[in-house]
């Protein structure tokens, strides 16, 4: 997997007034932390950051963060946004080891047609739109596919039922429901008659 290079400067001011000025200049303040690295402050170009994490992997993109003190393999782990403008106000970069597993959130794509559910006037009820998985940074899936074709009335698809690519394991509660079923209006009406 190719890494996207993102340039950062460690020569950024601290304090609220200088940080506001930094943001006005199109920079995002941040911090780099992780195993074997003492936390340090950085600033990255806002446009470059949006481009770097704007691909199909989003925030799960592995970045090569180049600073004056060296290059670090990182992932953007936490983003704080401005409450009104919805622009990125701060970003935390975690140093990652490409040979060790990381826990990430990936989106869920539901596919198929639950014919049995539909024919009984029931509805498919999607409970989760993302799930946590653990894998090495180079094996993180873009999304997880959940096929509801075999879903029956009263049935559910749980985290443990979801097929995952090789090297990827669920990191959350394996019994958590991703997709369930519920009685539709017609089924509720006929049950009350």
N, C-alpha and C. Protein backbone atom coordinates (compact mmCIF):
# COMPACT_ATOMS: atom_id res chain seq x y z
N UNK A 1 0.84 -1.18 0.00
CA UNK A 1 0.00 0.00 0.00
C UNK A 1 0.89 1.24 0.00
N UNK A 2 0.62 2.16 -0.88
CA UNK A 2 1.42 3.37 -0.94
C UNK A 2 0.96 4.35 0.13
N UNK A 3 1.92 5.03 0.72
CA UNK A 3 1.60 6.03 1.73
C UNK A 3 1.56 7.40 1.10
N UNK A 4 0.70 8.23 1.62
CA UNK A 4 0.59 9.60 1.14
C UNK A 4 1.49 10.47 2.01
N UNK A 5 2.31 11.28 1.38
CA UNK A 5 3.22 12.15 2.13
C UNK A 5 2.52 13.45 2.48
N UNK A 6 2.67 13.85 3.73
CA UNK A 6 2.09 15.10 4.23
C UNK A 6 3.20 15.84 4.96
N UNK A 7 3.44 17.08 4.55
CA UNK A 7 4.48 17.87 5.19
C UNK A 7 3.92 18.59 6.40
N UNK A 8 4.73 18.65 7.45
CA UNK A 8 4.32 19.33 8.69
C UNK A 8 5.50 20.11 9.22
N UNK A 9 5.20 21.15 9.96
CA UNK A 9 6.25 21.91 10.62
C UNK A 9 6.10 21.75 12.13
N UNK A 10 7.23 21.62 12.80
CA UNK A 10 7.21 21.53 14.27
C UNK A 10 7.43 22.91 14.87
N UNK A 11 7.68 23.90 14.02
CA UNK A 11 7.96 25.26 14.48
C UNK A 11 6.66 26.07 14.55
N UNK A 12 5.69 25.56 15.29
CA UNK A 12 4.43 26.29 15.36
C UNK A 12 4.27 26.93 16.73
N UNK A 13 3.62 28.10 16.75
CA UNK A 13 3.41 28.78 18.03
C UNK A 13 2.35 28.08 18.86
N UNK A 14 2.40 28.30 20.16
CA UNK A 14 1.35 27.77 21.06
C UNK A 14 0.62 28.95 21.68
N UNK A 15 -0.51 28.67 22.26
CA UNK A 15 -1.35 29.73 22.81
C UNK A 15 -2.51 30.01 21.88
N UNK A 16 -3.61 30.49 22.43
CA UNK A 16 -4.83 30.63 21.64
C UNK A 16 -4.73 31.69 20.54
N UNK A 17 -4.12 32.84 20.81
CA UNK A 17 -4.04 33.89 19.78
C UNK A 17 -3.14 33.47 18.62
N UNK A 18 -1.92 32.96 18.86
CA UNK A 18 -1.10 32.50 17.74
C UNK A 18 -1.72 31.34 16.96
N UNK A 19 -2.44 30.46 17.65
CA UNK A 19 -3.08 29.32 16.97
C UNK A 19 -4.22 29.82 16.08
N UNK A 20 -4.97 30.84 16.53
CA UNK A 20 -6.02 31.42 15.68
C UNK A 20 -5.40 32.03 14.42
N UNK A 21 -4.28 32.69 14.58
CA UNK A 21 -3.57 33.29 13.43
C UNK A 21 -3.10 32.18 12.48
N UNK A 22 -2.61 31.10 13.06
CA UNK A 22 -2.15 29.95 12.27
C UNK A 22 -3.29 29.39 11.42
N UNK A 23 -4.47 29.22 12.03
CA UNK A 23 -5.64 28.73 11.29
C UNK A 23 -6.06 29.70 10.20
N UNK A 24 -5.98 31.00 10.49
CA UNK A 24 -6.34 32.02 9.49
C UNK A 24 -5.40 31.96 8.29
N UNK A 25 -4.19 31.45 8.49
CA UNK A 25 -3.22 31.33 7.41
C UNK A 25 -3.37 30.00 6.65
N UNK A 26 -4.41 29.23 6.97
CA UNK A 26 -4.66 27.98 6.26
C UNK A 26 -3.90 26.78 6.82
N UNK A 27 -3.48 26.87 8.07
CA UNK A 27 -2.76 25.78 8.72
C UNK A 27 -3.65 25.15 9.80
N UNK A 28 -3.42 23.86 10.06
CA UNK A 28 -4.15 23.14 11.12
C UNK A 28 -3.13 22.74 12.18
N UNK A 29 -3.35 23.19 13.42
CA UNK A 29 -2.47 22.74 14.50
C UNK A 29 -2.76 21.28 14.83
N UNK A 30 -1.74 20.59 15.31
CA UNK A 30 -1.93 19.20 15.66
C UNK A 30 -0.87 18.72 16.62
N UNK A 31 -0.96 17.45 16.97
CA UNK A 31 0.01 16.83 17.85
C UNK A 31 0.32 15.44 17.30
N UNK A 32 1.57 15.03 17.45
CA UNK A 32 2.00 13.69 17.04
C UNK A 32 2.34 12.94 18.31
N UNK A 33 1.82 11.71 18.44
CA UNK A 33 2.12 10.89 19.61
C UNK A 33 2.15 9.44 19.18
N UNK A 34 2.64 8.59 20.04
CA UNK A 34 2.63 7.16 19.73
C UNK A 34 3.77 6.44 20.41
N UNK A 35 3.78 5.16 20.21
CA UNK A 35 4.77 4.29 20.84
C UNK A 35 6.18 4.70 20.42
N UNK A 36 7.03 4.93 21.41
CA UNK A 36 8.42 5.29 21.14
C UNK A 36 8.62 6.73 20.73
N UNK A 37 7.58 7.55 20.80
CA UNK A 37 7.68 8.95 20.40
C UNK A 37 7.10 9.85 21.48
N UNK A 38 7.88 10.79 21.95
CA UNK A 38 7.35 11.77 22.91
C UNK A 38 6.42 12.70 22.13
N UNK A 39 5.27 13.04 22.68
CA UNK A 39 4.34 13.92 21.95
C UNK A 39 4.98 15.26 21.59
N UNK A 40 4.69 15.73 20.38
CA UNK A 40 5.18 17.03 19.96
C UNK A 40 4.15 17.70 19.05
N UNK A 41 4.18 19.02 19.05
CA UNK A 41 3.21 19.82 18.28
C UNK A 41 3.66 19.99 16.84
N UNK A 42 2.68 20.02 15.94
CA UNK A 42 2.94 20.24 14.52
C UNK A 42 1.85 21.14 13.95
N UNK A 43 2.08 21.57 12.72
CA UNK A 43 1.06 22.28 11.94
C UNK A 43 1.15 21.75 10.52
N UNK A 44 -0.03 21.50 9.91
CA UNK A 44 -0.07 21.02 8.52
C UNK A 44 -0.95 21.95 7.71
N UNK A 45 -0.70 22.00 6.42
CA UNK A 45 -1.52 22.81 5.52
C UNK A 45 -2.91 22.19 5.44
N UNK A 46 -3.94 23.00 5.64
CA UNK A 46 -5.32 22.51 5.68
C UNK A 46 -5.72 21.85 4.36
N UNK A 47 -5.37 22.47 3.25
CA UNK A 47 -5.74 21.92 1.94
C UNK A 47 -5.02 20.59 1.69
N UNK A 48 -3.73 20.53 2.04
CA UNK A 48 -2.98 19.28 1.87
C UNK A 48 -3.56 18.16 2.74
N UNK A 49 -3.98 18.51 3.96
CA UNK A 49 -4.56 17.51 4.86
C UNK A 49 -5.87 16.97 4.28
N UNK A 50 -6.74 17.86 3.80
CA UNK A 50 -8.01 17.43 3.20
C UNK A 50 -7.77 16.50 2.02
N UNK A 51 -6.77 16.83 1.20
CA UNK A 51 -6.43 15.99 0.05
C UNK A 51 -5.92 14.63 0.51
N UNK A 52 -5.08 14.62 1.54
CA UNK A 52 -4.47 13.38 2.03
C UNK A 52 -5.51 12.40 2.58
N UNK A 53 -6.50 12.90 3.29
CA UNK A 53 -7.50 12.00 3.90
C UNK A 53 -8.81 12.00 3.11
N UNK A 54 -8.80 12.59 1.92
CA UNK A 54 -10.00 12.67 1.10
C UNK A 54 -10.21 11.47 0.19
N UNK A 55 -9.32 10.51 0.23
CA UNK A 55 -9.44 9.33 -0.62
C UNK A 55 -10.42 8.31 -0.05
N UNK A 56 -10.42 7.12 -0.63
CA UNK A 56 -11.39 6.10 -0.24
C UNK A 56 -11.18 5.59 1.19
N UNK A 57 -9.97 5.70 1.74
CA UNK A 57 -9.72 5.23 3.11
C UNK A 57 -10.04 6.30 4.16
N UNK A 58 -10.23 7.52 3.75
CA UNK A 58 -10.58 8.59 4.69
C UNK A 58 -9.56 8.73 5.80
N UNK A 59 -10.05 8.79 7.04
CA UNK A 59 -9.16 8.95 8.19
C UNK A 59 -8.33 7.70 8.46
N UNK A 60 -8.62 6.59 7.81
CA UNK A 60 -7.83 5.38 7.97
C UNK A 60 -6.64 5.35 7.00
N UNK A 61 -6.40 6.45 6.32
CA UNK A 61 -5.26 6.54 5.41
C UNK A 61 -3.96 6.57 6.20
N UNK A 62 -3.00 5.77 5.78
CA UNK A 62 -1.67 5.79 6.40
C UNK A 62 -0.88 6.91 5.73
N UNK A 63 -0.35 7.80 6.57
CA UNK A 63 0.36 8.98 6.07
C UNK A 63 1.83 8.91 6.43
N UNK A 64 2.65 9.44 5.57
CA UNK A 64 4.07 9.62 5.85
C UNK A 64 4.24 11.10 6.19
N UNK A 65 4.30 11.39 7.48
CA UNK A 65 4.35 12.78 7.95
C UNK A 65 5.81 13.23 8.02
N UNK A 66 6.16 14.17 7.17
CA UNK A 66 7.53 14.65 7.08
C UNK A 66 7.66 15.95 7.87
N UNK A 67 8.57 15.94 8.85
CA UNK A 67 8.81 17.12 9.68
C UNK A 67 10.29 17.46 9.66
N UNK A 68 10.65 18.57 10.30
CA UNK A 68 12.06 18.95 10.39
C UNK A 68 12.88 17.92 11.17
N UNK A 69 12.21 17.20 12.08
CA UNK A 69 12.94 16.24 12.93
C UNK A 69 12.87 14.81 12.41
N UNK A 70 12.28 14.60 11.23
CA UNK A 70 12.23 13.25 10.67
C UNK A 70 10.89 12.94 10.04
N UNK A 71 10.76 11.72 9.54
CA UNK A 71 9.52 11.27 8.90
C UNK A 71 8.88 10.20 9.78
N UNK A 72 7.57 10.31 9.96
CA UNK A 72 6.82 9.40 10.83
C UNK A 72 5.66 8.78 10.06
N UNK A 73 5.45 7.48 10.26
CA UNK A 73 4.29 6.81 9.68
C UNK A 73 3.15 6.98 10.67
N UNK A 74 2.09 7.70 10.25
CA UNK A 74 1.02 8.08 11.16
C UNK A 74 -0.36 7.85 10.54
N UNK A 75 -1.36 7.90 11.41
CA UNK A 75 -2.76 7.95 10.99
C UNK A 75 -3.42 9.08 11.77
N UNK A 76 -4.36 9.77 11.13
CA UNK A 76 -5.11 10.83 11.82
C UNK A 76 -6.14 10.14 12.71
N UNK A 77 -5.97 10.25 14.01
CA UNK A 77 -6.82 9.48 14.92
C UNK A 77 -7.96 10.29 15.52
N UNK A 78 -7.78 11.56 15.72
CA UNK A 78 -8.86 12.36 16.27
C UNK A 78 -8.83 13.73 15.63
N UNK A 79 -10.00 14.17 15.20
CA UNK A 79 -10.12 15.47 14.56
C UNK A 79 -11.13 16.29 15.34
N UNK A 80 -10.75 17.51 15.64
CA UNK A 80 -11.68 18.45 16.27
C UNK A 80 -12.09 19.45 15.20
N UNK A 81 -13.40 19.71 15.13
CA UNK A 81 -13.89 20.64 14.10
C UNK A 81 -14.45 21.90 14.77
N UNK A 82 -14.40 22.99 14.01
CA UNK A 82 -14.98 24.25 14.47
C UNK A 82 -16.49 24.06 14.54
N UNK A 83 -17.14 24.46 15.65
CA UNK A 83 -18.57 24.19 15.81
C UNK A 83 -19.48 24.88 14.80
N UNK A 84 -19.06 25.99 14.23
CA UNK A 84 -19.89 26.72 13.28
C UNK A 84 -19.43 26.52 11.84
N UNK A 85 -18.15 26.71 11.60
CA UNK A 85 -17.61 26.63 10.24
C UNK A 85 -17.45 25.19 9.75
N UNK A 86 -17.39 24.23 10.68
CA UNK A 86 -17.20 22.81 10.37
C UNK A 86 -15.85 22.55 9.70
N UNK A 87 -14.89 23.43 9.93
CA UNK A 87 -13.53 23.22 9.42
C UNK A 87 -12.71 22.50 10.48
N UNK A 88 -11.65 21.82 10.06
CA UNK A 88 -10.81 21.10 11.01
C UNK A 88 -10.03 22.12 11.83
N UNK A 89 -10.18 22.03 13.16
CA UNK A 89 -9.52 22.98 14.05
C UNK A 89 -8.26 22.39 14.68
N UNK A 90 -8.20 21.05 14.79
CA UNK A 90 -7.04 20.40 15.40
C UNK A 90 -7.06 18.93 15.00
N UNK A 91 -5.89 18.34 14.85
CA UNK A 91 -5.81 16.92 14.49
C UNK A 91 -4.73 16.23 15.31
N UNK A 92 -5.04 15.02 15.79
CA UNK A 92 -4.08 14.19 16.49
C UNK A 92 -3.58 13.12 15.52
N UNK A 93 -2.27 13.03 15.37
CA UNK A 93 -1.65 12.01 14.53
C UNK A 93 -1.02 10.96 15.44
N UNK A 94 -1.36 9.69 15.21
CA UNK A 94 -0.77 8.62 16.00
C UNK A 94 0.28 7.90 15.15
N UNK A 95 1.47 7.76 15.71
CA UNK A 95 2.53 7.00 15.05
C UNK A 95 2.12 5.53 15.08
N UNK A 96 2.18 4.86 13.92
CA UNK A 96 1.78 3.46 13.83
C UNK A 96 2.93 2.62 13.28
N UNK A 97 2.92 1.36 13.68
CA UNK A 97 3.88 0.37 13.18
C UNK A 97 3.15 -0.45 12.12
N UNK A 98 3.68 -0.49 10.91
CA UNK A 98 3.01 -1.19 9.82
C UNK A 98 2.89 -2.69 10.06
N UNK A 99 3.64 -3.22 11.03
CA UNK A 99 3.58 -4.66 11.32
C UNK A 99 2.69 -5.00 12.50
N UNK A 100 2.12 -3.98 13.15
CA UNK A 100 1.25 -4.21 14.31
C UNK A 100 -0.18 -3.79 13.98
N UNK A 101 -1.13 -4.47 14.61
CA UNK A 101 -2.54 -4.17 14.39
C UNK A 101 -2.98 -2.86 15.03
N UNK A 102 -3.91 -2.19 14.36
CA UNK A 102 -4.53 -0.98 14.89
C UNK A 102 -6.04 -1.18 14.85
N UNK A 103 -6.74 -0.53 15.75
CA UNK A 103 -8.20 -0.59 15.76
C UNK A 103 -8.73 0.64 15.06
N UNK A 104 -9.59 0.41 14.07
CA UNK A 104 -10.16 1.52 13.28
C UNK A 104 -11.66 1.30 13.09
N UNK A 105 -12.34 2.35 12.73
CA UNK A 105 -13.77 2.31 12.41
C UNK A 105 -13.91 2.30 10.90
N UNK A 106 -14.65 1.32 10.36
CA UNK A 106 -14.87 1.26 8.92
C UNK A 106 -16.37 1.28 8.63
N UNK A 107 -16.78 1.91 7.52
CA UNK A 107 -18.21 1.96 7.19
C UNK A 107 -18.75 0.59 6.78
N UNK A 108 -20.05 0.41 6.99
CA UNK A 108 -20.74 -0.82 6.60
C UNK A 108 -21.60 -0.53 5.38
N UNK A 109 -21.47 -1.36 4.34
CA UNK A 109 -22.33 -1.27 3.16
C UNK A 109 -23.27 -2.47 3.18
N UNK A 110 -24.57 -2.20 3.26
CA UNK A 110 -25.56 -3.27 3.24
C UNK A 110 -25.96 -3.51 1.79
N UNK A 111 -25.90 -4.79 1.37
CA UNK A 111 -26.26 -5.16 0.00
C UNK A 111 -27.28 -6.29 0.04
N UNK A 112 -27.95 -6.50 -1.08
CA UNK A 112 -28.90 -7.60 -1.21
C UNK A 112 -30.33 -7.17 -0.92
N UNK A 113 -31.24 -8.14 -1.05
CA UNK A 113 -32.66 -7.90 -0.84
C UNK A 113 -33.19 -8.98 0.10
N UNK A 114 -33.69 -8.58 1.25
CA UNK A 114 -34.24 -9.52 2.22
C UNK A 114 -35.66 -9.87 1.80
N UNK A 115 -35.79 -10.77 0.84
CA UNK A 115 -37.08 -11.13 0.24
C UNK A 115 -38.05 -11.66 1.29
N UNK A 116 -37.59 -12.57 2.15
CA UNK A 116 -38.46 -13.15 3.17
C UNK A 116 -39.03 -12.07 4.08
N UNK A 117 -38.20 -11.11 4.47
CA UNK A 117 -38.63 -10.02 5.34
C UNK A 117 -39.67 -9.16 4.63
N UNK A 118 -39.39 -8.84 3.38
CA UNK A 118 -40.30 -7.99 2.60
C UNK A 118 -41.64 -8.67 2.37
N UNK A 119 -41.63 -9.97 2.06
CA UNK A 119 -42.87 -10.69 1.79
C UNK A 119 -43.77 -10.83 3.00
N UNK A 120 -43.23 -10.73 4.19
CA UNK A 120 -44.04 -10.79 5.41
C UNK A 120 -44.40 -9.39 5.92
N UNK A 121 -44.19 -8.39 5.07
CA UNK A 121 -44.47 -6.98 5.41
C UNK A 121 -43.69 -6.52 6.63
N UNK A 122 -42.49 -7.06 6.78
CA UNK A 122 -41.58 -6.59 7.81
C UNK A 122 -40.55 -5.68 7.16
N UNK A 123 -39.74 -5.04 7.98
CA UNK A 123 -38.73 -4.11 7.47
C UNK A 123 -37.35 -4.49 7.98
N UNK A 124 -36.35 -4.18 7.17
CA UNK A 124 -34.96 -4.34 7.58
C UNK A 124 -34.59 -3.12 8.43
N UNK A 125 -33.98 -3.36 9.57
CA UNK A 125 -33.64 -2.29 10.50
C UNK A 125 -32.12 -2.27 10.70
N UNK A 126 -31.44 -1.34 10.01
CA UNK A 126 -29.98 -1.25 10.14
C UNK A 126 -29.65 -0.53 11.43
N UNK A 127 -28.95 -1.22 12.33
CA UNK A 127 -28.63 -0.68 13.66
C UNK A 127 -27.27 0.02 13.69
N UNK A 128 -26.34 -0.41 12.83
CA UNK A 128 -25.00 0.17 12.84
C UNK A 128 -24.58 0.52 11.41
N UNK A 129 -23.90 1.62 11.27
CA UNK A 129 -23.45 2.07 9.96
C UNK A 129 -21.92 2.01 9.83
N UNK A 130 -21.26 1.60 10.92
CA UNK A 130 -19.82 1.38 10.90
C UNK A 130 -19.50 0.36 11.99
N UNK A 131 -18.32 -0.24 11.90
CA UNK A 131 -17.89 -1.18 12.93
C UNK A 131 -16.40 -1.07 13.14
N UNK A 132 -15.97 -1.45 14.34
CA UNK A 132 -14.55 -1.43 14.65
C UNK A 132 -13.91 -2.74 14.24
N UNK A 133 -12.77 -2.62 13.58
CA UNK A 133 -11.99 -3.80 13.20
C UNK A 133 -10.54 -3.57 13.59
N UNK A 134 -9.81 -4.68 13.70
CA UNK A 134 -8.38 -4.60 14.00
C UNK A 134 -7.62 -5.27 12.87
N UNK A 135 -6.62 -4.57 12.35
CA UNK A 135 -5.77 -5.13 11.30
C UNK A 135 -4.49 -4.31 11.22
N UNK A 136 -3.55 -4.80 10.45
CA UNK A 136 -2.36 -3.99 10.21
C UNK A 136 -2.78 -2.82 9.32
N UNK A 137 -2.08 -1.69 9.42
CA UNK A 137 -2.48 -0.51 8.65
C UNK A 137 -2.61 -0.75 7.15
N UNK A 138 -1.81 -1.65 6.59
CA UNK A 138 -1.87 -1.87 5.14
C UNK A 138 -3.02 -2.79 4.72
N UNK A 139 -3.73 -3.40 5.69
CA UNK A 139 -4.83 -4.31 5.36
C UNK A 139 -6.20 -3.76 5.76
N UNK A 140 -6.26 -2.50 6.15
CA UNK A 140 -7.54 -1.91 6.57
C UNK A 140 -8.49 -1.85 5.37
N UNK A 141 -9.67 -2.47 5.51
CA UNK A 141 -10.62 -2.41 4.38
C UNK A 141 -11.22 -1.01 4.25
N UNK A 142 -11.59 -0.66 3.02
CA UNK A 142 -12.25 0.62 2.78
C UNK A 142 -13.63 0.62 3.41
N UNK A 143 -14.30 -0.54 3.34
CA UNK A 143 -15.61 -0.72 3.95
C UNK A 143 -15.83 -2.21 4.16
N UNK A 144 -16.89 -2.54 4.91
CA UNK A 144 -17.28 -3.93 5.16
C UNK A 144 -18.64 -4.14 4.52
N UNK A 145 -18.81 -5.25 3.80
CA UNK A 145 -20.07 -5.55 3.13
C UNK A 145 -20.89 -6.53 3.96
N UNK A 146 -22.17 -6.19 4.15
CA UNK A 146 -23.11 -7.06 4.86
C UNK A 146 -24.23 -7.41 3.88
N UNK A 147 -24.34 -8.70 3.56
CA UNK A 147 -25.36 -9.17 2.62
C UNK A 147 -26.60 -9.61 3.40
N UNK A 148 -27.75 -8.97 3.12
CA UNK A 148 -28.98 -9.29 3.86
C UNK A 148 -29.90 -10.23 3.10
N UNK A 149 -29.43 -10.81 1.99
CA UNK A 149 -30.28 -11.65 1.15
C UNK A 149 -30.91 -12.82 1.90
N UNK A 150 -30.20 -13.41 2.86
CA UNK A 150 -30.72 -14.58 3.59
C UNK A 150 -31.39 -14.21 4.91
N UNK A 151 -31.58 -12.92 5.17
CA UNK A 151 -32.18 -12.47 6.43
C UNK A 151 -33.65 -12.89 6.49
N UNK A 152 -34.05 -13.46 7.62
CA UNK A 152 -35.43 -13.92 7.84
C UNK A 152 -36.13 -13.02 8.83
N UNK A 153 -37.46 -13.13 8.87
CA UNK A 153 -38.28 -12.37 9.81
C UNK A 153 -37.83 -12.71 11.23
N UNK A 154 -37.58 -11.69 12.02
CA UNK A 154 -37.13 -11.89 13.40
C UNK A 154 -35.64 -12.18 13.51
N UNK A 155 -34.95 -12.25 12.39
CA UNK A 155 -33.52 -12.56 12.40
C UNK A 155 -32.67 -11.32 12.56
N UNK A 156 -31.38 -11.57 12.71
CA UNK A 156 -30.43 -10.46 12.86
C UNK A 156 -29.07 -10.90 12.32
N UNK A 157 -28.30 -9.92 11.91
CA UNK A 157 -26.91 -10.14 11.52
C UNK A 157 -26.06 -9.41 12.56
N UNK A 158 -25.19 -10.17 13.21
CA UNK A 158 -24.36 -9.62 14.27
C UNK A 158 -22.93 -9.42 13.78
N UNK A 159 -22.15 -8.71 14.55
CA UNK A 159 -20.75 -8.44 14.20
C UNK A 159 -20.02 -9.74 13.88
N UNK A 160 -20.25 -10.78 14.68
CA UNK A 160 -19.56 -12.06 14.47
C UNK A 160 -19.97 -12.75 13.18
N UNK A 161 -21.10 -12.36 12.57
CA UNK A 161 -21.58 -12.97 11.32
C UNK A 161 -20.97 -12.33 10.07
N UNK A 162 -20.31 -11.20 10.23
CA UNK A 162 -19.83 -10.44 9.07
C UNK A 162 -18.52 -11.04 8.55
N UNK A 163 -18.49 -11.42 7.25
CA UNK A 163 -17.24 -11.93 6.68
C UNK A 163 -16.25 -10.77 6.50
N UNK A 164 -15.03 -10.98 6.98
CA UNK A 164 -14.00 -9.95 6.89
C UNK A 164 -12.83 -10.46 6.06
N UNK A 165 -12.10 -9.56 5.43
CA UNK A 165 -10.93 -9.97 4.64
C UNK A 165 -9.89 -10.65 5.54
N UNK A 166 -8.99 -11.38 4.93
CA UNK A 166 -7.91 -12.05 5.66
C UNK A 166 -7.09 -11.03 6.44
N UNK A 167 -6.78 -11.35 7.68
CA UNK A 167 -5.97 -10.47 8.51
C UNK A 167 -6.76 -9.39 9.22
N UNK A 168 -8.08 -9.38 9.04
CA UNK A 168 -8.94 -8.37 9.68
C UNK A 168 -9.88 -9.09 10.63
N UNK A 169 -9.94 -8.63 11.88
CA UNK A 169 -10.83 -9.24 12.88
C UNK A 169 -11.69 -8.16 13.52
N UNK A 170 -12.90 -8.55 13.98
CA UNK A 170 -13.73 -7.55 14.65
C UNK A 170 -13.11 -7.12 15.97
N UNK A 171 -13.20 -5.84 16.29
CA UNK A 171 -12.61 -5.33 17.51
C UNK A 171 -13.67 -4.98 18.56
N UNK A 172 -14.92 -4.87 18.14
CA UNK A 172 -15.99 -4.52 19.07
C UNK A 172 -16.69 -5.74 19.61
N UNK A 173 -17.84 -5.54 20.21
CA UNK A 173 -18.66 -6.60 20.78
C UNK A 173 -19.14 -7.52 19.66
N UNK A 174 -18.76 -8.81 19.67
CA UNK A 174 -19.15 -9.71 18.59
C UNK A 174 -20.65 -9.99 18.55
N UNK A 175 -21.37 -9.71 19.65
CA UNK A 175 -22.81 -9.98 19.69
C UNK A 175 -23.64 -8.76 19.30
N UNK A 176 -22.97 -7.63 19.03
CA UNK A 176 -23.71 -6.41 18.67
C UNK A 176 -24.43 -6.62 17.33
N UNK A 177 -25.69 -6.16 17.28
CA UNK A 177 -26.50 -6.31 16.07
C UNK A 177 -26.16 -5.21 15.07
N UNK A 178 -25.91 -5.63 13.83
CA UNK A 178 -25.68 -4.67 12.75
C UNK A 178 -26.98 -4.44 11.99
N UNK A 179 -27.67 -5.52 11.63
CA UNK A 179 -28.94 -5.43 10.93
C UNK A 179 -29.93 -6.35 11.61
N UNK A 180 -31.13 -5.84 11.88
CA UNK A 180 -32.21 -6.64 12.45
C UNK A 180 -33.46 -6.49 11.60
N UNK A 181 -34.57 -6.97 12.12
CA UNK A 181 -35.85 -6.83 11.43
C UNK A 181 -36.89 -6.31 12.41
N UNK A 182 -37.92 -5.68 11.88
CA UNK A 182 -39.03 -5.21 12.72
C UNK A 182 -40.30 -5.25 11.89
N UNK A 183 -41.40 -5.39 12.58
CA UNK A 183 -42.70 -5.45 11.89
C UNK A 183 -42.99 -4.11 11.22
N UNK A 184 -43.40 -4.17 9.96
CA UNK A 184 -43.78 -2.97 9.23
C UNK A 184 -45.20 -2.56 9.59
N UNK A 185 -45.67 -1.47 9.02
CA UNK A 185 -47.03 -0.99 9.32
C UNK A 185 -48.09 -2.03 8.99
N UNK A 186 -47.98 -2.65 7.82
CA UNK A 186 -49.00 -3.63 7.41
C UNK A 186 -49.00 -4.83 8.35
N UNK A 187 -47.81 -5.28 8.78
CA UNK A 187 -47.73 -6.41 9.70
C UNK A 187 -48.30 -6.04 11.07
N UNK A 188 -48.05 -4.81 11.53
CA UNK A 188 -48.60 -4.37 12.81
C UNK A 188 -50.11 -4.27 12.75
N UNK A 189 -50.64 -3.74 11.63
CA UNK A 189 -52.07 -3.57 11.48
C UNK A 189 -52.77 -4.92 11.45
N UNK A 190 -52.21 -5.88 10.68
CA UNK A 190 -52.87 -7.18 10.58
C UNK A 190 -52.77 -7.93 11.89
N UNK A 191 -51.74 -7.64 12.71
CA UNK A 191 -51.61 -8.30 14.01
C UNK A 191 -52.62 -7.79 15.01
N UNK A 192 -53.11 -6.54 14.81
CA UNK A 192 -54.08 -5.97 15.75
C UNK A 192 -55.52 -6.33 15.37
N UNK A 193 -55.73 -6.86 14.16
CA UNK A 193 -57.09 -7.14 13.69
C UNK A 193 -57.67 -8.34 14.36
